[in-house]
């Protein structure tokens, strides 16, 4: 009897994707406008902390979100992430000082520390193993759609209304994400009631060692993204691009296009082959962005970077799920995101520290990021050769 193909495209999956799109748009619509906003508060020298503080608390919260995902359930953890995002949008206009802004960046990071961890585990729960790459790729496509429309919407609102209106719209998007999540069916079979003991972590609860190979590649892959988030708004303004979200919109649209086939490709041809191809494209894109001295070249770099991320993201996510243990899938996803945020945070810190509002320094930051990507490719090559030998 022929085996029926598992229908991953159902209502639960659709709701999950819509919630992620809204959540992603909620915090990404702020990114292009935050450097100028921080400068207006008198904190220009702290631009590198805009992303770094966000990713710091996201990384710190990952072990907790991973454990709670495996004990309380996927839905409650997703809801907490969206609620934090909702609250922060309303507080930005209230805490209108440099110290208040930096505190909110710390708090805001908890949102991405919780929701994506539980969401990735939820996707793995409802999709069959042989289609994890496809399912994670389609979900990532929706998350990336939020990344694409978010910055464009954010810049439009700021140009035609005000930065405070932008903060409130960000909260509204997060609220819609919460409403959707709260109407989703829980997939964790055995749930525990919340107790403070669940927040007590041992060293074994922080990192899932079985997924470390993927985590190592992810750290090196996302250093460049941290640099891009920190520097591209200023580089765009220097090149006369009024909408600072344009770069992010172009790279995300390119990412969306390639994700339709990249997730399936990793299911068919293997994760490591697809990841190595993605790393080569990523390295190329960072060099192009470093060379960009015109609108056309910067947009070209954005498009190539989007293709790279569209290839890498579903393959790296699925590779992590492949190596994870079924009962500790939340911890495995948390480990993956800790690595992702560590890479983004390191890239943002380095970029902010070295840049210091000197535009001529941007190319070197991009070339160093490209060199780190080359190290990731070398690690994949050497690891695969060692696996073949053993």
Protein backbone atom coordinates (compact mmCIF):
# COMPACT_ATOMS: atom_id res chain seq x y z
CA UNK A 1 0.00 0.00 0.00
CA UNK A 2 1.39 3.39 -0.98
CA UNK A 3 2.24 5.69 1.91
CA UNK A 4 0.23 8.94 1.98
CA UNK A 5 2.29 12.09 1.98
CA UNK A 6 1.92 13.95 5.27
CA UNK A 7 -0.04 17.20 4.81
CA UNK A 8 2.14 19.82 6.51
CA UNK A 9 0.16 22.68 4.97
CA UNK A 10 -2.79 22.70 7.38
CA UNK A 11 -4.53 25.24 9.62
CA UNK A 12 -2.09 24.84 12.52
CA UNK A 13 0.90 25.41 10.28
CA UNK A 14 -0.81 28.37 8.61
CA UNK A 15 -1.59 30.03 11.95
CA UNK A 16 1.96 29.47 13.13
CA UNK A 17 3.37 31.08 9.99
CA UNK A 18 1.02 34.09 10.25
CA UNK A 19 1.90 34.61 13.91
CA UNK A 20 5.61 34.50 13.11
CA UNK A 21 5.20 36.96 10.24
CA UNK A 22 3.50 39.49 12.53
CA UNK A 23 6.00 38.93 15.34
CA UNK A 24 8.96 39.35 12.98
CA UNK A 25 7.51 42.52 11.47
CA UNK A 26 6.86 43.89 14.95
CA UNK A 27 10.48 44.14 16.06
CA UNK A 28 12.14 44.39 12.63
CA UNK A 29 10.19 47.54 11.70
CA UNK A 30 12.16 49.35 14.41
CA UNK A 31 15.67 48.40 13.31
CA UNK A 32 16.34 50.94 10.50
CA UNK A 33 15.13 53.87 12.62
CA UNK A 34 16.79 53.07 15.94
CA UNK A 35 20.33 54.35 15.14
CA UNK A 36 19.02 57.83 14.27
CA UNK A 37 16.61 57.75 17.22
CA UNK A 38 19.44 56.89 19.62
CA UNK A 39 21.55 59.71 18.15
CA UNK A 40 18.65 62.13 18.73
CA UNK A 41 18.69 61.12 22.39
CA UNK A 42 22.41 61.93 22.55
CA UNK A 43 23.66 58.33 22.46
CA UNK A 44 25.33 58.09 19.03
CA UNK A 45 28.38 56.35 20.51
CA UNK A 46 26.16 53.50 21.72
CA UNK A 47 24.88 52.43 18.27
CA UNK A 48 26.71 49.13 18.53
CA UNK A 49 24.61 48.28 21.60
CA UNK A 50 21.28 48.59 19.75
CA UNK A 51 21.62 45.06 18.41
CA UNK A 52 24.15 43.73 20.93
CA UNK A 53 21.95 44.33 24.01
CA UNK A 54 18.93 42.87 22.21
CA UNK A 55 20.81 39.70 21.33
CA UNK A 56 22.44 39.49 24.78
CA UNK A 57 19.16 39.03 26.63
CA UNK A 58 17.79 36.90 23.80
CA UNK A 59 20.78 34.59 24.29
CA UNK A 60 20.52 34.61 28.08
CA UNK A 61 16.84 33.72 27.96
CA UNK A 62 17.31 30.84 25.50
CA UNK A 63 18.16 28.12 28.05
CA UNK A 64 15.07 29.08 30.05
CA UNK A 65 12.83 29.17 26.99
CA UNK A 66 14.25 25.84 25.84
CA UNK A 67 13.49 24.16 29.15
CA UNK A 68 10.04 25.73 29.44
CA UNK A 69 9.26 24.70 25.86
CA UNK A 70 10.01 21.08 26.82
CA UNK A 71 7.99 21.25 30.08
CA UNK A 72 5.22 23.88 30.02
CA UNK A 73 4.50 23.57 26.31
CA UNK A 74 5.19 25.32 23.03
CA UNK A 75 2.17 27.68 23.04
CA UNK A 76 2.74 29.38 26.45
CA UNK A 77 6.37 30.11 25.59
CA UNK A 78 5.41 31.57 22.20
CA UNK A 79 2.80 33.75 23.93
CA UNK A 80 5.32 35.12 26.45
CA UNK A 81 7.64 36.19 23.63
CA UNK A 82 4.88 38.10 21.86
CA UNK A 83 3.67 39.73 25.10
CA UNK A 84 7.14 41.14 25.85
CA UNK A 85 7.29 42.56 22.32
CA UNK A 86 3.86 44.13 22.81
CA UNK A 87 4.85 45.81 26.10
CA UNK A 88 8.15 47.20 24.83
CA UNK A 89 6.52 49.06 21.94
CA UNK A 90 4.52 51.13 24.42
CA UNK A 91 7.49 51.81 26.69
CA UNK A 92 9.92 53.26 24.11
CA UNK A 93 8.14 56.66 23.98
CA UNK A 94 7.84 56.71 27.79
CA UNK A 95 11.50 56.00 28.57
CA UNK A 96 12.92 58.72 26.31
CA UNK A 97 16.50 58.75 27.59
CA UNK A 98 19.64 56.93 26.48
CA UNK A 99 19.68 54.76 29.61
CA UNK A 100 15.95 54.04 29.28
CA UNK A 101 16.38 53.13 25.61
CA UNK A 102 19.26 50.75 26.34
CA UNK A 103 17.26 49.14 29.15
CA UNK A 104 14.38 48.53 26.75
CA UNK A 105 16.72 46.95 24.21
CA UNK A 106 17.70 44.50 26.96
CA UNK A 107 14.06 43.80 27.80
CA UNK A 108 12.99 43.59 24.16
CA UNK A 109 15.55 40.85 23.55
CA UNK A 110 13.58 38.46 25.75
CA UNK A 111 10.85 38.39 23.10
CA UNK A 112 13.09 36.74 20.51
CA UNK A 113 14.61 34.59 23.24
CA UNK A 114 11.24 32.92 23.76
CA UNK A 115 9.02 32.86 20.70
CA UNK A 116 11.33 31.50 17.96
CA UNK A 117 12.60 28.71 20.24
CA UNK A 118 9.11 27.36 20.90
CA UNK A 119 8.04 27.99 17.31
CA UNK A 120 10.88 25.88 15.85
CA UNK A 121 9.98 23.03 18.22
CA UNK A 122 6.31 23.37 17.21
CA UNK A 123 7.21 23.08 13.51
CA UNK A 124 9.27 19.95 14.20
CA UNK A 125 6.31 18.48 16.14
CA UNK A 126 3.75 18.89 13.36
CA UNK A 127 5.94 18.06 10.35
CA UNK A 128 7.35 14.61 9.49
CA UNK A 129 11.11 14.14 9.71
CA UNK A 130 11.56 13.67 5.96
CA UNK A 131 10.02 17.11 5.35
CA UNK A 132 11.63 19.14 8.15
CA UNK A 133 13.73 21.11 5.68
CA UNK A 134 10.68 22.01 3.61
CA UNK A 135 8.52 22.92 6.63
CA UNK A 136 11.22 24.99 8.31
CA UNK A 137 11.97 26.65 4.98
CA UNK A 138 8.34 27.70 4.44
CA UNK A 139 8.01 28.89 8.04
CA UNK A 140 11.26 30.80 7.63
CA UNK A 141 9.84 32.32 4.47
CA UNK A 142 6.95 33.76 6.50
CA UNK A 143 9.28 35.00 9.24
CA UNK A 144 11.44 36.59 6.55
CA UNK A 145 8.39 38.22 5.00
CA UNK A 146 7.96 40.00 8.32
CA UNK A 147 11.61 41.01 8.12
CA UNK A 148 11.00 42.40 4.63
CA UNK A 149 7.82 44.37 5.24
CA UNK A 150 8.77 45.44 8.76
CA UNK A 151 11.68 47.81 7.97
CA UNK A 152 9.87 49.24 4.93
CA UNK A 153 6.73 49.89 6.98
CA UNK A 154 8.82 51.31 9.82
CA UNK A 155 10.65 53.80 7.63
CA UNK A 156 7.39 54.84 5.90
CA UNK A 157 5.65 55.48 9.24
CA UNK A 158 8.60 57.47 10.58
CA UNK A 159 8.85 59.59 7.42
CA UNK A 160 5.12 60.39 7.26
CA UNK A 161 4.09 60.31 10.92
CA UNK A 162 6.53 60.00 13.83
CA UNK A 163 8.84 57.59 15.62
CA UNK A 164 6.30 57.26 18.46
CA UNK A 165 3.59 56.13 16.04
CA UNK A 166 6.08 53.53 14.80
CA UNK A 167 6.51 52.18 18.34
CA UNK A 168 2.73 51.88 18.79
CA UNK A 169 2.27 50.11 15.44
CA UNK A 170 5.01 47.68 16.48
CA UNK A 171 2.99 46.87 19.60
CA UNK A 172 -0.17 46.37 17.54
CA UNK A 173 1.57 43.78 15.34
CA UNK A 174 2.77 41.93 18.46
CA UNK A 175 -0.77 41.95 19.89
CA UNK A 176 -2.14 40.31 16.74
CA UNK A 177 0.58 37.66 17.04
CA UNK A 178 -0.49 36.96 20.64
CA UNK A 179 -4.16 36.55 19.65
CA UNK A 180 -3.24 33.98 16.99
CA UNK A 181 -0.91 32.02 19.28
CA UNK A 182 -3.47 31.75 22.06
CA UNK A 183 -5.88 30.00 19.67
CA UNK A 184 -3.39 27.33 18.61
CA UNK A 185 -3.42 23.70 19.73
CA UNK A 186 -0.62 22.60 22.07
CA UNK A 187 1.64 19.85 20.64
CA UNK A 188 3.61 18.85 23.76
CA UNK A 189 2.04 15.60 24.94
CA UNK A 190 3.16 15.64 28.59
CA UNK A 191 3.01 19.10 30.19
CA UNK A 192 4.00 20.30 33.64
CA UNK A 193 2.54 23.11 35.71
CA UNK A 194 4.75 26.14 36.15
CA UNK A 195 6.92 26.27 39.25
CA UNK A 196 10.02 28.24 40.15
CA UNK A 197 12.02 25.00 40.08
CA UNK A 198 11.65 25.00 36.28
CA UNK A 199 13.78 28.15 36.20
CA UNK A 200 16.67 26.49 38.02
CA UNK A 201 19.17 25.46 35.38
CA UNK A 202 22.17 23.19 35.52
CA UNK A 203 24.98 23.22 32.97
CA UNK A 204 23.26 20.36 31.15
CA UNK A 205 20.17 22.51 30.62
CA UNK A 206 21.99 25.34 28.84
CA UNK A 207 23.54 23.71 25.78
CA UNK A 208 22.55 20.63 23.79
CA UNK A 209 25.99 19.16 22.93
CA UNK A 210 24.58 16.96 20.17
CA UNK A 211 23.86 20.02 18.00
CA UNK A 212 27.18 21.84 18.54
CA UNK A 213 28.42 21.32 14.94
CA UNK A 214 25.46 23.31 13.63
CA UNK A 215 25.86 25.91 16.40
CA UNK A 216 29.51 26.54 15.47
CA UNK A 217 28.62 27.21 11.84
CA UNK A 218 25.69 29.43 12.87
CA UNK A 219 27.86 31.66 15.08
CA UNK A 220 30.31 32.35 12.25
CA UNK A 221 27.50 32.77 9.71
CA UNK A 222 25.67 35.49 11.67
CA UNK A 223 28.62 37.74 12.59
CA UNK A 224 28.11 39.48 9.26
CA UNK A 225 24.41 39.96 9.97
CA UNK A 226 25.22 41.76 13.23
CA UNK A 227 27.53 44.09 11.31
CA UNK A 228 24.87 44.69 8.64
CA UNK A 229 22.18 45.55 11.18
CA UNK A 230 24.52 48.08 12.79
CA UNK A 231 26.04 49.73 9.72
CA UNK A 232 23.63 49.48 6.79
CA UNK A 233 21.25 52.25 7.97
CA UNK A 234 24.14 54.75 7.97
CA UNK A 235 25.59 53.39 4.72
CA UNK A 236 22.16 53.69 3.07
CA UNK A 237 21.79 57.29 4.19
CA UNK A 238 25.31 58.08 2.90
CA UNK A 239 24.36 56.75 -0.54
CA UNK A 240 21.22 58.90 -0.62
CA UNK A 241 18.67 56.15 0.09
CA UNK A 242 15.85 57.87 2.00
CA UNK A 243 14.11 54.67 3.09
CA UNK A 244 16.65 52.96 5.33
CA UNK A 245 14.60 49.77 5.23
CA UNK A 246 15.15 49.30 1.49
CA UNK A 247 18.29 47.18 1.93
CA UNK A 248 16.48 44.87 4.34
CA UNK A 249 13.46 44.66 2.06
CA UNK A 250 15.58 43.68 -0.96
CA UNK A 251 17.62 41.03 0.83
CA UNK A 252 14.50 39.53 2.43
CA UNK A 253 12.58 39.39 -0.85
CA UNK A 254 15.55 37.58 -2.41
CA UNK A 255 15.54 35.25 0.58
CA UNK A 256 11.84 34.54 0.12
CA UNK A 257 12.26 33.59 -3.52
CA UNK A 258 15.05 31.07 -2.86
CA UNK A 259 13.37 29.53 0.21
CA UNK A 260 10.72 27.94 -2.00
CA UNK A 261 13.36 25.51 -3.27
CA UNK A 262 16.17 25.67 -0.67
CA UNK A 263 14.29 23.82 2.08
CA UNK A 264 13.35 20.97 -0.24
CA UNK A 265 16.90 20.88 -1.60
CA UNK A 266 18.33 20.19 1.85
CA UNK A 267 15.82 17.32 2.27
CA UNK A 268 16.84 15.87 -1.08
CA UNK A 269 20.58 16.51 -1.41
CA UNK A 270 21.64 16.69 2.24
CA UNK A 271 22.14 19.49 4.72
CA UNK A 272 25.93 19.85 4.48
CA UNK A 273 26.02 20.20 0.69
CA UNK A 274 23.42 22.93 0.71
CA UNK A 275 25.07 24.71 3.66
CA UNK A 276 28.44 24.84 1.87
CA UNK A 277 26.82 26.35 -1.22
CA UNK A 278 25.09 28.93 0.99
CA UNK A 279 28.37 29.87 2.69
CA UNK A 280 30.05 30.57 -0.65
CA UNK A 281 27.17 32.84 -1.67
CA UNK A 282 27.25 34.55 1.75
CA UNK A 283 30.97 35.27 1.48
CA UNK A 284 30.43 36.77 -1.99
CA UNK A 285 27.61 39.00 -0.75
CA UNK A 286 29.66 40.45 2.12
CA UNK A 287 32.46 41.36 -0.27
CA UNK A 288 29.97 43.09 -2.59
CA UNK A 289 28.50 45.07 0.33
CA UNK A 290 32.01 46.06 1.40
CA UNK A 291 32.72 47.33 -2.12
CA UNK A 292 29.38 49.14 -2.44
CA UNK A 293 29.89 52.80 -3.32
CA UNK A 294 26.61 53.24 -5.19
CA UNK A 295 22.92 52.50 -4.84
CA UNK A 296 23.08 49.73 -7.47
CA UNK A 297 25.99 47.91 -5.87
CA UNK A 298 24.47 48.06 -2.38
CA UNK A 299 21.15 46.70 -3.64
CA UNK A 300 23.02 43.96 -5.54
CA UNK A 301 24.83 43.03 -2.33
CA UNK A 302 21.49 42.97 -0.50
CA UNK A 303 19.99 40.62 -3.09
CA UNK A 304 22.96 38.21 -3.02
CA UNK A 305 22.96 38.30 0.79
CA UNK A 306 19.25 37.41 0.72
CA UNK A 307 19.91 34.41 -1.51
CA UNK A 308 22.62 33.24 0.89
CA UNK A 309 20.34 33.52 3.92
CA UNK A 310 17.49 31.85 2.06
CA UNK A 311 19.74 28.86 1.35
CA UNK A 312 21.43 28.69 4.76
CA UNK A 313 18.60 29.29 7.21
CA UNK A 314 16.32 26.30 6.48
CA UNK A 315 19.30 23.98 6.00
CA UNK A 316 20.93 24.99 9.29
CA UNK A 317 17.62 24.78 11.15
CA UNK A 318 16.85 21.34 9.74
CA UNK A 319 20.43 20.15 10.44
CA UNK A 320 19.92 21.17 14.07
CA UNK A 321 16.62 19.29 14.28
CA UNK A 322 18.26 16.23 12.65
CA UNK A 323 20.86 16.05 15.42
CA UNK A 324 18.48 16.89 18.28
CA UNK A 325 17.03 14.40 20.77
CA UNK A 326 13.19 14.16 20.59
CA UNK A 327 12.68 14.79 24.32
CA UNK A 328 15.03 17.79 24.32
CA UNK A 329 14.03 19.47 21.09
CA UNK A 330 13.36 22.77 22.87
CA UNK A 331 16.88 22.75 24.31
CA UNK A 332 18.33 21.97 20.88
CA UNK A 333 16.44 24.88 19.31
CA UNK A 334 17.56 27.12 22.18
CA UNK A 335 21.18 26.13 21.54
CA UNK A 336 20.80 27.00 17.87
CA UNK A 337 19.39 30.43 18.69
CA UNK A 338 22.02 31.08 21.37
CA UNK A 339 24.62 30.55 18.65
CA UNK A 340 22.71 32.78 16.24
CA UNK A 341 22.45 35.61 18.76
CA UNK A 342 26.05 35.21 19.83
CA UNK A 343 27.10 35.68 16.21
CA UNK A 344 24.83 38.70 15.70
CA UNK A 345 25.90 40.24 19.02
CA UNK A 346 29.62 39.80 18.35
CA UNK A 347 29.23 41.24 14.86
CA UNK A 348 27.26 44.24 16.14
CA UNK A 349 29.69 44.91 19.00
CA UNK A 350 32.72 44.77 16.73
CA UNK A 351 31.07 46.89 14.04
CA UNK A 352 29.95 49.53 16.54
CA UNK A 353 33.32 49.61 18.31
CA UNK A 354 35.35 49.95 15.12
CA UNK A 355 32.95 52.09 13.07
CA UNK A 356 32.57 55.17 15.33
CA UNK A 357 30.57 56.97 12.60
CA UNK A 358 33.52 56.83 10.15
CA UNK A 359 31.99 55.61 6.88
CA UNK A 360 35.38 54.69 5.40
CA UNK A 361 35.66 51.91 7.99
CA UNK A 362 32.57 50.00 6.80
CA UNK A 363 34.33 48.01 4.02
CA UNK A 364 36.91 46.48 6.40
CA UNK A 365 34.14 45.33 8.74
CA UNK A 366 32.45 43.55 5.84
CA UNK A 367 35.70 41.96 4.64
CA UNK A 368 36.44 40.63 8.14
CA UNK A 369 32.90 39.21 8.26
CA UNK A 370 33.59 37.53 4.91
CA UNK A 371 36.78 36.03 6.35
CA UNK A 372 34.83 34.56 9.27
CA UNK A 373 32.38 33.06 6.78
CA UNK A 374 35.34 31.45 5.02
CA UNK A 375 36.31 29.90 8.37
CA UNK A 376 32.81 28.42 8.61
CA UNK A 377 33.22 26.85 5.16
CA UNK A 378 36.61 25.42 6.16
CA UNK A 379 35.06 23.93 9.32
CA UNK A 380 32.30 22.25 7.28
CA UNK A 381 34.84 20.88 4.81
CA UNK A 382 37.18 19.52 7.50
CA UNK A 383 34.36 18.07 9.59
CA UNK A 384 32.85 16.24 6.61
CA UNK A 385 36.26 14.84 5.66
CA UNK A 386 36.81 13.58 9.20
CA UNK A 387 33.34 11.99 9.28
CA UNK A 388 34.09 10.16 6.01
CA UNK A 389 37.41 8.86 7.41
CA UNK A 390 35.76 7.48 10.54
